[in-house]
C-alpha atoms as a PDB file:
ATOM      1  CA  MET A   1      13.802   3.212  16.776  1.00  0.00           C
ATOM      2  CA  ALA A   2      10.919   1.675  18.790  1.00  0.00           C
ATOM      3  CA  ASP A   3       7.554   0.762  17.231  1.00  0.00           C
ATOM      4  CA  LEU A   4       4.902   3.457  17.398  1.00  0.00           C
ATOM      5  CA  GLU A   5       2.356   2.350  20.065  1.00  0.00           C
ATOM      6  CA  ASN A   6       0.470   5.547  20.914  1.00  0.00           C
ATOM      7  CA  LYS A   7      -2.961   5.374  19.264  1.00  0.00           C
ATOM      8  CA  LYS A   8      -3.276   9.135  18.879  1.00  0.00           C
ATOM      9  CA  LEU A   9       0.101   9.294  17.166  1.00  0.00           C
ATOM     10  CA  ILE A  10      -0.804   6.358  14.910  1.00  0.00           C
ATOM     11  CA  TYR A  11      -4.000   8.269  13.832  1.00  0.00           C
ATOM     12  CA  LEU A  12      -1.967  11.405  13.367  1.00  0.00           C
ATOM     13  CA  LYS A  13       0.549   9.600  11.198  1.00  0.00           C
ATOM     14  CA  SER A  14      -2.243   8.174   9.104  1.00  0.00           C
ATOM     15  CA  PHE A  15      -3.875  11.609   8.763  1.00  0.00           C
ATOM     16  CA  LEU A  16      -0.528  13.179   7.711  1.00  0.00           C
ATOM     17  CA  PHE A  17      -0.174  10.505   4.972  1.00  0.00           C
ATOM     18  CA  LEU A  18      -3.706  11.417   3.734  1.00  0.00           C
ATOM     19  CA  VAL A  19      -2.709  15.088   3.677  1.00  0.00           C
ATOM     20  CA  ILE A  20       0.380  14.302   1.651  1.00  0.00           C
ATOM     21  CA  LEU A  21      -1.606  12.165  -0.729  1.00  0.00           C
ATOM     22  CA  LEU A  22      -4.381  14.777  -1.281  1.00  0.00           C
ATOM     23  CA  THR A  23      -1.999  17.645  -1.595  1.00  0.00           C
ATOM     24  CA  CYS A  24       0.095  15.870  -4.292  1.00  0.00           C
ATOM     25  CA  PHE A  25      -3.049  14.838  -6.078  1.00  0.00           C
ATOM     26  CA  VAL A  26      -4.459  18.421  -6.127  1.00  0.00           C
ATOM     27  CA  LEU A  27      -1.091  19.923  -7.192  1.00  0.00           C
ATOM     28  CA  ILE A  28      -0.629  17.506 -10.073  1.00  0.00           C
ATOM     29  CA  ILE A  29      -4.129  18.131 -11.269  1.00  0.00           C
ATOM     30  CA  TYR A  30      -3.604  21.814 -10.960  1.00  0.00           C
ATOM     31  CA  GLU A  31      -0.353  21.638 -12.962  1.00  0.00           C
ATOM     32  CA  THR A  32      -1.665  19.341 -15.776  1.00  0.00           C
ATOM     33  CA  ARG A  33      -5.355  20.309 -15.922  1.00  0.00           C
ATOM     34  CA  SER A  34      -5.967  17.033 -17.710  1.00  0.00           C
ATOM     35  CA  TRP A  35      -8.820  14.484 -17.252  1.00  0.00           C
ATOM     36  CA  LYS A  36      -6.488  11.770 -18.571  1.00  0.00           C
ATOM     37  CA  ILE A  37      -3.882  12.450 -15.843  1.00  0.00           C
ATOM     38  CA  THR A  38      -6.676  12.706 -13.276  1.00  0.00           C
ATOM     39  CA  LEU A  39      -8.013   9.282 -14.280  1.00  0.00           C
ATOM     40  CA  LEU A  40      -4.534   7.765 -14.291  1.00  0.00           C
ATOM     41  CA  LEU A  41      -3.782   9.173 -10.796  1.00  0.00           C
ATOM     42  CA  VAL A  42      -7.114   7.739  -9.542  1.00  0.00           C
ATOM     43  CA  LEU A  43      -6.387   4.323 -11.030  1.00  0.00           C
ATOM     44  CA  ILE A  44      -2.815   4.158  -9.723  1.00  0.00           C
ATOM     45  CA  SER A  45      -3.910   5.145  -6.214  1.00  0.00           C
ATOM     46  CA  TRP A  46      -6.724   2.606  -6.153  1.00  0.00           C
ATOM     47  CA  SER A  47      -4.609  -0.234  -7.628  1.00  0.00           C
ATOM     48  CA  SER A  48      -1.748   0.513  -5.182  1.00  0.00           C
ATOM     49  CA  ALA A  49      -4.135   0.296  -2.234  1.00  0.00           C
ATOM     50  CA  ARG A  50      -5.546  -3.001  -3.627  1.00  0.00           C
ATOM     51  CA  ILE A  51      -2.128  -4.641  -4.184  1.00  0.00           C
ATOM     52  CA  TYR A  52      -1.014  -3.548  -0.675  1.00  0.00           C
ATOM     53  CA  TYR A  53      -4.171  -5.141   0.777  1.00  0.00           C
ATOM     54  CA  PHE A  54      -3.504  -8.297  -1.272  1.00  0.00           C
ATOM     55  CA  MET A  55       0.095  -8.623  -0.262  1.00  0.00           C
ATOM     56  CA  PHE A  56      -0.271  -7.982   3.468  1.00  0.00           C
ATOM     57  CA  TYR A  57      -3.823  -9.181   4.301  1.00  0.00           C
ATOM     58  CA  VAL A  58      -5.226 -11.607   1.765  1.00  0.00           C
ATOM     59  CA  ILE A  59      -2.084 -13.725   1.690  1.00  0.00           C
ATOM     60  CA  GLU A  60      -1.843 -13.945   5.469  1.00  0.00           C
ATOM     61  CA  LYS A  61      -5.562 -14.464   6.124  1.00  0.00           C
ATOM     62  CA  TYR A  62      -6.731 -16.592   3.247  1.00  0.00           C
ATOM     63  CA  VAL A  63      -3.781 -18.130   1.334  1.00  0.00           C
ATOM     64  CA  ASP A  64      -0.965 -18.886   3.906  1.00  0.00           C
ATOM     65  CA  PRO A  65      -1.709 -18.208   7.551  1.00  0.00           C
ATOM     66  CA  GLU A  66       1.977 -18.874   8.378  1.00  0.00           C
ATOM     67  CA  TYR A  67       3.172 -15.916   6.344  1.00  0.00           C
ATOM     68  CA  LYS A  68       3.672 -12.752   8.420  1.00  0.00           C
ATOM     69  CA  PHE A  69       4.095  -9.390   6.801  1.00  0.00           C
ATOM     70  CA  ALA A  70       7.560  -7.783   7.211  1.00  0.00           C
ATOM     71  CA  GLY A  71       7.626  -5.447   4.152  1.00  0.00           C
ATOM     72  CA  ILE A  72       7.559  -5.593   0.341  1.00  0.00           C
ATOM     73  CA  TYR A  73      10.974  -7.181   0.180  1.00  0.00           C
ATOM     74  CA  SER A  74       9.779 -10.049   2.410  1.00  0.00           C
ATOM     75  CA  PHE A  75       6.773 -10.493   0.189  1.00  0.00           C
ATOM     76  CA  LEU A  76       8.914 -10.744  -2.840  1.00  0.00           C
ATOM     77  CA  LYS A  77      11.142 -13.339  -1.118  1.00  0.00           C
ATOM     78  CA  TYR A  78       7.942 -15.224  -0.162  1.00  0.00           C
ATOM     79  CA  LEU A  79       6.756 -15.276  -3.796  1.00  0.00           C
ATOM     80  CA  LEU A  80      10.150 -16.431  -5.079  1.00  0.00           C
ATOM     81  CA  SER A  81      10.306 -19.214  -2.436  1.00  0.00           C
ATOM     82  CA  ARG A  82       6.872 -20.479  -3.412  1.00  0.00           C
ATOM     83  CA  SER A  83       7.405 -20.326  -7.135  1.00  0.00           C
ATOM     84  CA  GLY A  84       8.993 -23.642  -7.344  1.00  0.00           C
ATOM     85  CA  LYS A  85       6.430 -25.420  -5.098  1.00  0.00           C
ATOM     86  CA  GLN A  86       3.284 -27.071  -6.212  1.00  0.00           C
ATOM     87  CA  GLU A  87      -0.081 -25.685  -4.830  1.00  0.00           C
END
């Protein structure tokens, strides 16, 4: 499968992910009707976005400019390969 290059389709894909996220969030809140679950969902969503940003932007731009993102598996390999090295 080729990379997605059409800007409109990229925005559409992003919008559809947002729709999935919001729909799931609302349905879980509707089913549980719990402030505790709501808070946990907000925290897990926020922290997931922050760790993604860290793994695929902060490392490449500020820590190791030679590292290029290729997925979570590649990031884990990167961490393991660096664990034995001195900073």
